[in-house]
Amino acid sequence: MDSKSVAGPILVAIAAILWATDALFRAPLLNSVSPMLIVLFAHAVGAVVLGIWVFIRYRNSIGGFSLWTWFCLFLIGAGGSGIATVLYTASFEHINPSVAILLQKLQPLLVVIFAFIFLREKPKRSFWAWALVALLATVVVSFPDFDFSFISHGIDWRSTGVIYAISAAALWALSTVAGKAVLGKVPPSIVTFWRYVFGFLALIALVTVAKETMPSASVLRAPSIWHGLLYIALVPGILALVFYYHGLKRTAATTTTFVELLFPICAVVLNWIFLNATLRPVQIVAGVVLIYAVTRISTAK
């Protein structure tokens, strides 16, 4: 077997495993730091680190885009990176982190729907059947006791977390569609740089409008807080992206889809062991069905 064909999936697998460790640091930080400030810090670090790299490598092609391309880059950064990650982080306060992670697997389904709406890309007929299976599995993962009283009594604590997680998945899917519109014209490194920059600017605006208060001095002096913030920004953030993009160049799209399944599987196991974030048997079964249905959607040509 060609060493390059082996290296690609291995690099994607490393990225998926690094992403899976994110919740181990993100969830504990919520005891001391707000979701907005966690995500703001990660974007600040990402913008600085990637800014240095992009300035060295792509200084002559960092701008000069069309208005439409700038709009797509803004949508990717402000919506898909900034706001979506805040919603995803906030969902950890309301629901099991593993449930929030499983709900992110809806992204390929939502990407197809958004591509159909905005890019006029027609899905295969089988898509609708697998989409229905994925949605039913999502309901079971989110509400394993089948208690839907919030529909008549108003949004409750748990349903708020589900809404946050699915909204994050929708924004990430929308930014994927926007990414398809610009990646043929703009190198991935520059797209990622502007993603962090526009995400950071959007978060500054959100923090200002929400009048978010900084953590107390005693919290800011705790080394564990800074270790956690730096880990989220550098390891499942920038380092995972580096592995992923290099692996993506050497790996077929179908293979990448299957290798990426390591992310939810490892995340659920790690959260179970280290965060005591257990799932009910019915949620495990529904999670497997959800992953399978979405994988069928992702691999359909």
Protein backbone atom coordinates (compact mmCIF):
# COMPACT_ATOMS: atom_id res chain seq x y z
CA MET A 1 0.00 0.00 0.00
CA ASP A 2 1.27 3.49 -0.90
CA SER A 3 2.60 5.35 2.14
CA LYS A 4 0.72 8.49 1.06
CA SER A 5 -2.59 6.62 0.96
CA VAL A 6 -1.94 5.47 4.54
CA ALA A 7 -0.71 8.83 5.79
CA GLY A 8 -3.85 10.68 4.71
CA PRO A 9 -6.39 8.70 6.78
CA ILE A 10 -3.97 8.64 9.74
CA LEU A 11 -3.73 12.44 9.73
CA VAL A 12 -7.54 12.77 9.52
CA ALA A 13 -7.86 10.24 12.36
CA ILE A 14 -5.46 12.25 14.54
CA ALA A 15 -7.52 15.38 13.88
CA ALA A 16 -10.75 13.56 14.81
CA ILE A 17 -9.23 12.29 18.07
CA LEU A 18 -7.96 15.77 18.96
CA TRP A 19 -11.45 17.20 18.33
CA ALA A 20 -12.83 14.51 20.63
CA THR A 21 -10.74 15.81 23.55
CA ASP A 22 -12.25 19.30 23.29
CA ALA A 23 -15.20 18.71 25.66
CA LEU A 24 -12.87 17.42 28.40
CA PHE A 25 -11.55 20.98 28.76
CA ARG A 26 -14.49 23.03 27.48
CA ALA A 27 -17.10 21.61 29.88
CA PRO A 28 -15.10 22.19 33.14
CA LEU A 29 -14.25 25.75 32.08
CA LEU A 30 -17.96 26.61 32.11
CA ASN A 31 -17.86 26.48 35.91
CA SER A 32 -15.73 29.66 35.91
CA VAL A 33 -15.84 31.29 32.48
CA SER A 34 -18.82 32.18 30.27
CA PRO A 35 -19.25 30.50 26.85
CA MET A 36 -18.68 33.83 25.05
CA LEU A 37 -15.36 34.49 26.76
CA ILE A 38 -14.12 30.93 26.18
CA VAL A 39 -14.82 31.19 22.45
CA LEU A 40 -13.50 34.78 22.27
CA PHE A 41 -10.15 33.71 23.74
CA ALA A 42 -9.86 30.77 21.32
CA HIS A 43 -10.54 33.06 18.35
CA ALA A 44 -8.03 35.65 19.56
CA VAL A 45 -5.29 33.00 19.77
CA GLY A 46 -6.30 31.52 16.41
CA ALA A 47 -6.31 34.89 14.67
CA VAL A 48 -2.83 35.75 15.99
CA VAL A 49 -1.22 32.36 15.25
CA LEU A 50 -2.76 31.99 11.80
CA GLY A 51 -2.16 35.68 11.08
CA ILE A 52 1.59 35.18 11.45
CA TRP A 53 1.52 32.12 9.16
CA VAL A 54 -0.69 33.74 6.51
CA PHE A 55 1.40 36.95 6.50
CA ILE A 56 4.58 34.93 5.91
CA ARG A 57 3.12 32.59 3.28
CA TYR A 58 0.26 34.46 1.60
CA ARG A 59 0.84 38.17 2.25
CA ASN A 60 0.15 39.07 -1.40
CA SER A 61 -3.18 37.19 -1.61
CA ILE A 62 -4.72 37.85 1.80
CA GLY A 63 -7.31 40.27 0.38
CA GLY A 64 -8.60 41.82 -2.81
CA PHE A 65 -11.66 39.58 -2.98
CA SER A 66 -15.04 40.29 -4.53
CA LEU A 67 -17.88 41.58 -2.34
CA TRP A 68 -19.58 38.18 -2.54
CA THR A 69 -16.42 36.39 -1.36
CA TRP A 70 -16.05 38.82 1.57
CA PHE A 71 -19.69 38.17 2.50
CA CYS A 72 -19.10 34.39 2.46
CA LEU A 73 -15.94 34.78 4.56
CA PHE A 74 -17.86 36.93 7.04
CA LEU A 75 -20.66 34.34 7.21
CA ILE A 76 -18.12 31.56 7.82
CA GLY A 77 -16.35 33.54 10.56
CA ALA A 78 -19.10 35.43 12.36
CA GLY A 79 -21.84 32.82 12.00
CA GLY A 80 -20.17 29.45 11.51
CA SER A 81 -17.24 30.04 13.82
CA GLY A 82 -18.12 32.75 16.34
CA ILE A 83 -21.83 32.48 17.09
CA ALA A 84 -22.08 28.74 16.36
CA THR A 85 -19.26 27.87 18.74
CA VAL A 86 -20.81 30.01 21.49
CA LEU A 87 -24.12 28.14 21.04
CA TYR A 88 -22.31 24.79 21.02
CA THR A 89 -20.39 25.69 24.19
CA ALA A 90 -23.53 27.01 25.90
CA SER A 91 -25.35 23.75 25.14
CA PHE A 92 -22.93 21.96 27.51
CA GLU A 93 -24.54 23.90 30.38
CA HIS A 94 -27.95 22.41 29.59
CA ILE A 95 -27.42 18.91 28.21
CA ASN A 96 -24.95 16.03 28.30
CA PRO A 97 -21.87 17.10 26.24
CA SER A 98 -22.02 13.77 24.40
CA VAL A 99 -25.58 14.52 23.29
CA ALA A 100 -24.46 17.95 22.02
CA ILE A 101 -21.62 16.28 20.09
CA LEU A 102 -23.92 13.65 18.55
CA LEU A 103 -26.31 16.40 17.44
CA GLN A 104 -23.46 17.97 15.46
CA LYS A 105 -23.61 14.93 13.17
CA LEU A 106 -26.70 16.56 11.65
CA GLN A 107 -24.37 18.90 9.76
CA PRO A 108 -24.07 16.83 6.53
CA LEU A 109 -27.86 16.55 6.37
CA LEU A 110 -28.26 20.30 6.84
CA VAL A 111 -25.48 21.00 4.32
CA VAL A 112 -27.43 19.08 1.65
CA ILE A 113 -30.60 21.02 2.48
CA PHE A 114 -28.84 24.40 2.41
CA ALA A 115 -27.01 23.49 -0.81
CA PHE A 116 -30.39 22.59 -2.32
CA ILE A 117 -31.85 25.94 -1.24
CA PHE A 118 -28.93 28.26 -2.02
CA LEU A 119 -26.81 26.43 -4.62
CA ARG A 120 -29.60 24.52 -6.40
CA GLU A 121 -27.79 21.22 -5.85
CA LYS A 122 -30.39 18.44 -6.10
CA PRO A 123 -29.96 15.62 -3.56
CA LYS A 124 -30.44 11.98 -4.51
CA ARG A 125 -33.88 10.53 -3.93
CA SER A 126 -32.52 8.28 -1.16
CA PHE A 127 -31.44 11.38 0.78
CA TRP A 128 -34.95 12.11 2.02
CA ALA A 129 -35.38 8.60 3.47
CA TRP A 130 -32.06 8.74 5.34
CA ALA A 131 -32.79 12.32 6.43
CA LEU A 132 -36.02 11.12 8.06
CA VAL A 133 -34.16 8.31 9.83
CA ALA A 134 -31.51 10.79 11.06
CA LEU A 135 -34.15 13.21 12.36
CA LEU A 136 -36.03 10.46 14.22
CA ALA A 137 -32.73 9.29 15.77
CA THR A 138 -32.00 12.90 16.75
CA VAL A 139 -35.28 13.10 18.63
CA VAL A 140 -34.45 9.94 20.59
CA VAL A 141 -30.91 11.09 21.37
CA SER A 142 -32.24 14.44 22.60
CA PHE A 143 -35.31 13.17 24.48
CA PRO A 144 -34.71 9.52 25.47
CA ASP A 145 -37.64 9.59 27.90
CA PHE A 146 -39.94 10.83 25.10
CA ASP A 147 -41.07 13.70 27.29
CA PHE A 148 -42.21 16.48 24.96
CA SER A 149 -44.15 18.47 27.53
CA PHE A 150 -42.07 21.55 26.65
CA ILE A 151 -44.11 21.82 23.43
CA SER A 152 -47.21 22.80 25.41
CA HIS A 153 -45.59 24.25 28.55
CA GLY A 154 -42.80 26.27 26.92
CA ILE A 155 -39.07 25.76 26.37
CA ASP A 156 -37.39 24.14 29.38
CA TRP A 157 -33.76 23.75 30.47
CA ARG A 158 -32.99 20.62 28.43
CA SER A 159 -34.83 21.65 25.28
CA THR A 160 -32.88 24.94 25.39
CA GLY A 161 -29.63 22.94 25.23
CA VAL A 162 -30.94 20.88 22.30
CA ILE A 163 -31.95 24.08 20.46
CA TYR A 164 -28.48 25.55 21.08
CA ALA A 165 -26.73 22.43 19.78
CA ILE A 166 -28.90 22.08 16.66
CA SER A 167 -28.63 25.83 15.95
CA ALA A 168 -24.83 25.48 16.10
CA ALA A 169 -25.00 22.55 13.67
CA ALA A 170 -27.19 24.62 11.32
CA LEU A 171 -24.78 27.57 11.37
CA TRP A 172 -21.80 25.27 10.77
CA ALA A 173 -23.67 23.67 7.86
CA LEU A 174 -24.50 27.08 6.41
CA SER A 175 -20.85 28.10 6.68
CA THR A 176 -19.88 24.87 4.89
CA VAL A 177 -22.10 25.86 1.98
CA ALA A 178 -20.51 29.32 2.02
CA GLY A 179 -17.10 27.65 2.12
CA LYS A 180 -17.93 25.68 -1.03
CA ALA A 181 -18.52 28.99 -2.75
CA VAL A 182 -15.08 30.41 -1.88
CA LEU A 183 -12.65 27.50 -1.51
CA GLY A 184 -12.14 27.29 -5.26
CA LYS A 185 -10.91 30.90 -5.22
CA VAL A 186 -9.26 31.27 -1.81
CA PRO A 187 -6.65 28.91 -0.24
CA PRO A 188 -7.88 27.01 2.87
CA SER A 189 -5.30 28.73 5.11
CA ILE A 190 -6.64 32.17 4.20
CA VAL A 191 -10.25 31.04 4.61
CA THR A 192 -9.38 29.72 8.07
CA PHE A 193 -7.55 32.94 8.96
CA TRP A 194 -10.53 35.13 8.03
CA ARG A 195 -12.80 32.68 9.81
CA TYR A 196 -10.94 33.41 13.05
CA VAL A 197 -10.71 37.16 12.39
CA PHE A 198 -14.41 37.65 11.59
CA GLY A 199 -15.35 35.28 14.41
CA PHE A 200 -13.24 37.33 16.83
CA LEU A 201 -14.81 40.62 15.67
CA ALA A 202 -18.33 39.18 15.97
CA LEU A 203 -17.58 37.93 19.47
CA ILE A 204 -16.21 41.33 20.53
CA ALA A 205 -19.53 42.83 19.41
CA LEU A 206 -21.52 40.14 21.26
CA VAL A 207 -19.52 40.55 24.47
CA THR A 208 -20.01 44.33 24.31
CA VAL A 209 -23.76 44.15 23.64
CA ALA A 210 -24.29 41.47 26.30
CA LYS A 211 -22.13 43.47 28.76
CA GLU A 212 -20.25 40.29 29.59
CA THR A 213 -18.23 40.59 32.80
CA MET A 214 -14.71 39.24 33.14
CA PRO A 215 -14.08 36.41 35.63
CA SER A 216 -12.84 37.41 39.07
CA ALA A 217 -9.13 37.94 39.72
CA SER A 218 -8.92 34.69 41.69
CA VAL A 219 -10.29 32.78 38.70
CA LEU A 220 -7.89 34.46 36.28
CA ARG A 221 -4.95 33.56 38.54
CA ALA A 222 -5.80 29.85 38.40
CA PRO A 223 -3.33 28.03 36.08
CA SER A 224 -5.98 25.41 35.22
CA ILE A 225 -8.14 28.09 33.57
CA TRP A 226 -5.35 29.22 31.26
CA HIS A 227 -4.25 25.64 30.56
CA GLY A 228 -7.80 24.80 29.50
CA LEU A 229 -8.24 27.92 27.35
CA LEU A 230 -4.89 27.42 25.61
CA TYR A 231 -5.57 23.73 25.05
CA ILE A 232 -8.93 24.44 23.36
CA ALA A 233 -7.42 27.15 21.16
CA LEU A 234 -4.27 25.30 20.11
CA VAL A 235 -4.94 21.54 20.14
CA PRO A 236 -8.52 20.75 19.01
CA GLY A 237 -8.48 24.18 17.35
CA ILE A 238 -5.43 25.01 15.23
CA LEU A 239 -3.39 21.78 15.49
CA ALA A 240 -6.38 19.58 14.58
CA LEU A 241 -7.09 21.78 11.54
CA VAL A 242 -3.49 21.42 10.38
CA PHE A 243 -3.68 17.61 10.59
CA TYR A 244 -7.12 17.59 8.98
CA TYR A 245 -6.27 19.73 5.95
CA HIS A 246 -3.03 17.84 5.27
CA GLY A 247 -4.90 14.54 5.60
CA LEU A 248 -7.73 15.78 3.38
CA LYS A 249 -5.30 16.36 0.49
CA ARG A 250 -4.23 12.69 0.59
CA THR A 251 -7.57 11.03 1.31
CA ALA A 252 -10.64 10.30 -0.79
CA ALA A 253 -13.79 12.08 0.38
CA THR A 254 -15.60 8.82 1.15
CA THR A 255 -12.69 7.54 3.25
CA THR A 256 -12.52 10.87 5.09
CA THR A 257 -16.19 10.58 6.02
CA PHE A 258 -15.66 7.20 7.66
CA VAL A 259 -12.44 8.19 9.44
CA GLU A 260 -14.17 11.27 10.86
CA LEU A 261 -16.53 8.93 12.72
CA LEU A 262 -13.72 8.60 15.24
CA PHE A 263 -14.70 12.06 16.50
CA PRO A 264 -18.15 11.29 17.94
CA ILE A 265 -17.17 7.77 19.01
CA CYS A 266 -14.01 8.87 20.87
CA ALA A 267 -15.78 11.93 22.29
CA VAL A 268 -18.60 9.85 23.78
CA VAL A 269 -16.12 7.37 25.31
CA LEU A 270 -13.82 10.08 26.71
CA ASN A 271 -16.75 12.08 28.11
CA TRP A 272 -18.13 8.93 29.70
CA ILE A 273 -14.80 8.13 31.39
CA PHE A 274 -13.60 11.60 32.42
CA LEU A 275 -16.77 13.69 32.70
CA ASN A 276 -19.14 10.93 33.84
CA ALA A 277 -21.36 11.99 30.93
CA THR A 278 -23.22 8.70 30.57
CA LEU A 279 -25.77 7.91 27.89
CA ARG A 280 -28.83 5.72 28.24
CA PRO A 281 -28.90 2.50 26.19
CA VAL A 282 -31.65 3.95 23.95
CA GLN A 283 -29.46 7.02 23.30
CA ILE A 284 -26.51 4.82 22.34
CA VAL A 285 -28.65 2.89 19.86
CA ALA A 286 -30.15 6.10 18.48
CA GLY A 287 -26.67 7.64 18.26
CA VAL A 288 -25.43 4.70 16.19
CA VAL A 289 -28.48 4.98 13.91
CA LEU A 290 -27.92 8.73 13.56
CA ILE A 291 -24.24 8.29 12.66
CA TYR A 292 -25.07 5.52 10.17
CA ALA A 293 -27.84 7.54 8.49
CA VAL A 294 -25.69 10.65 8.19
CA THR A 295 -22.76 8.58 6.88
CA ARG A 296 -25.02 7.20 4.16
CA ILE A 297 -25.97 10.79 3.29
CA SER A 298 -22.32 11.93 3.29
CA THR A 299 -21.09 9.08 1.06
CA ALA A 300 -23.92 9.31 -1.46
CA LYS A 301 -22.68 10.79 -4.74
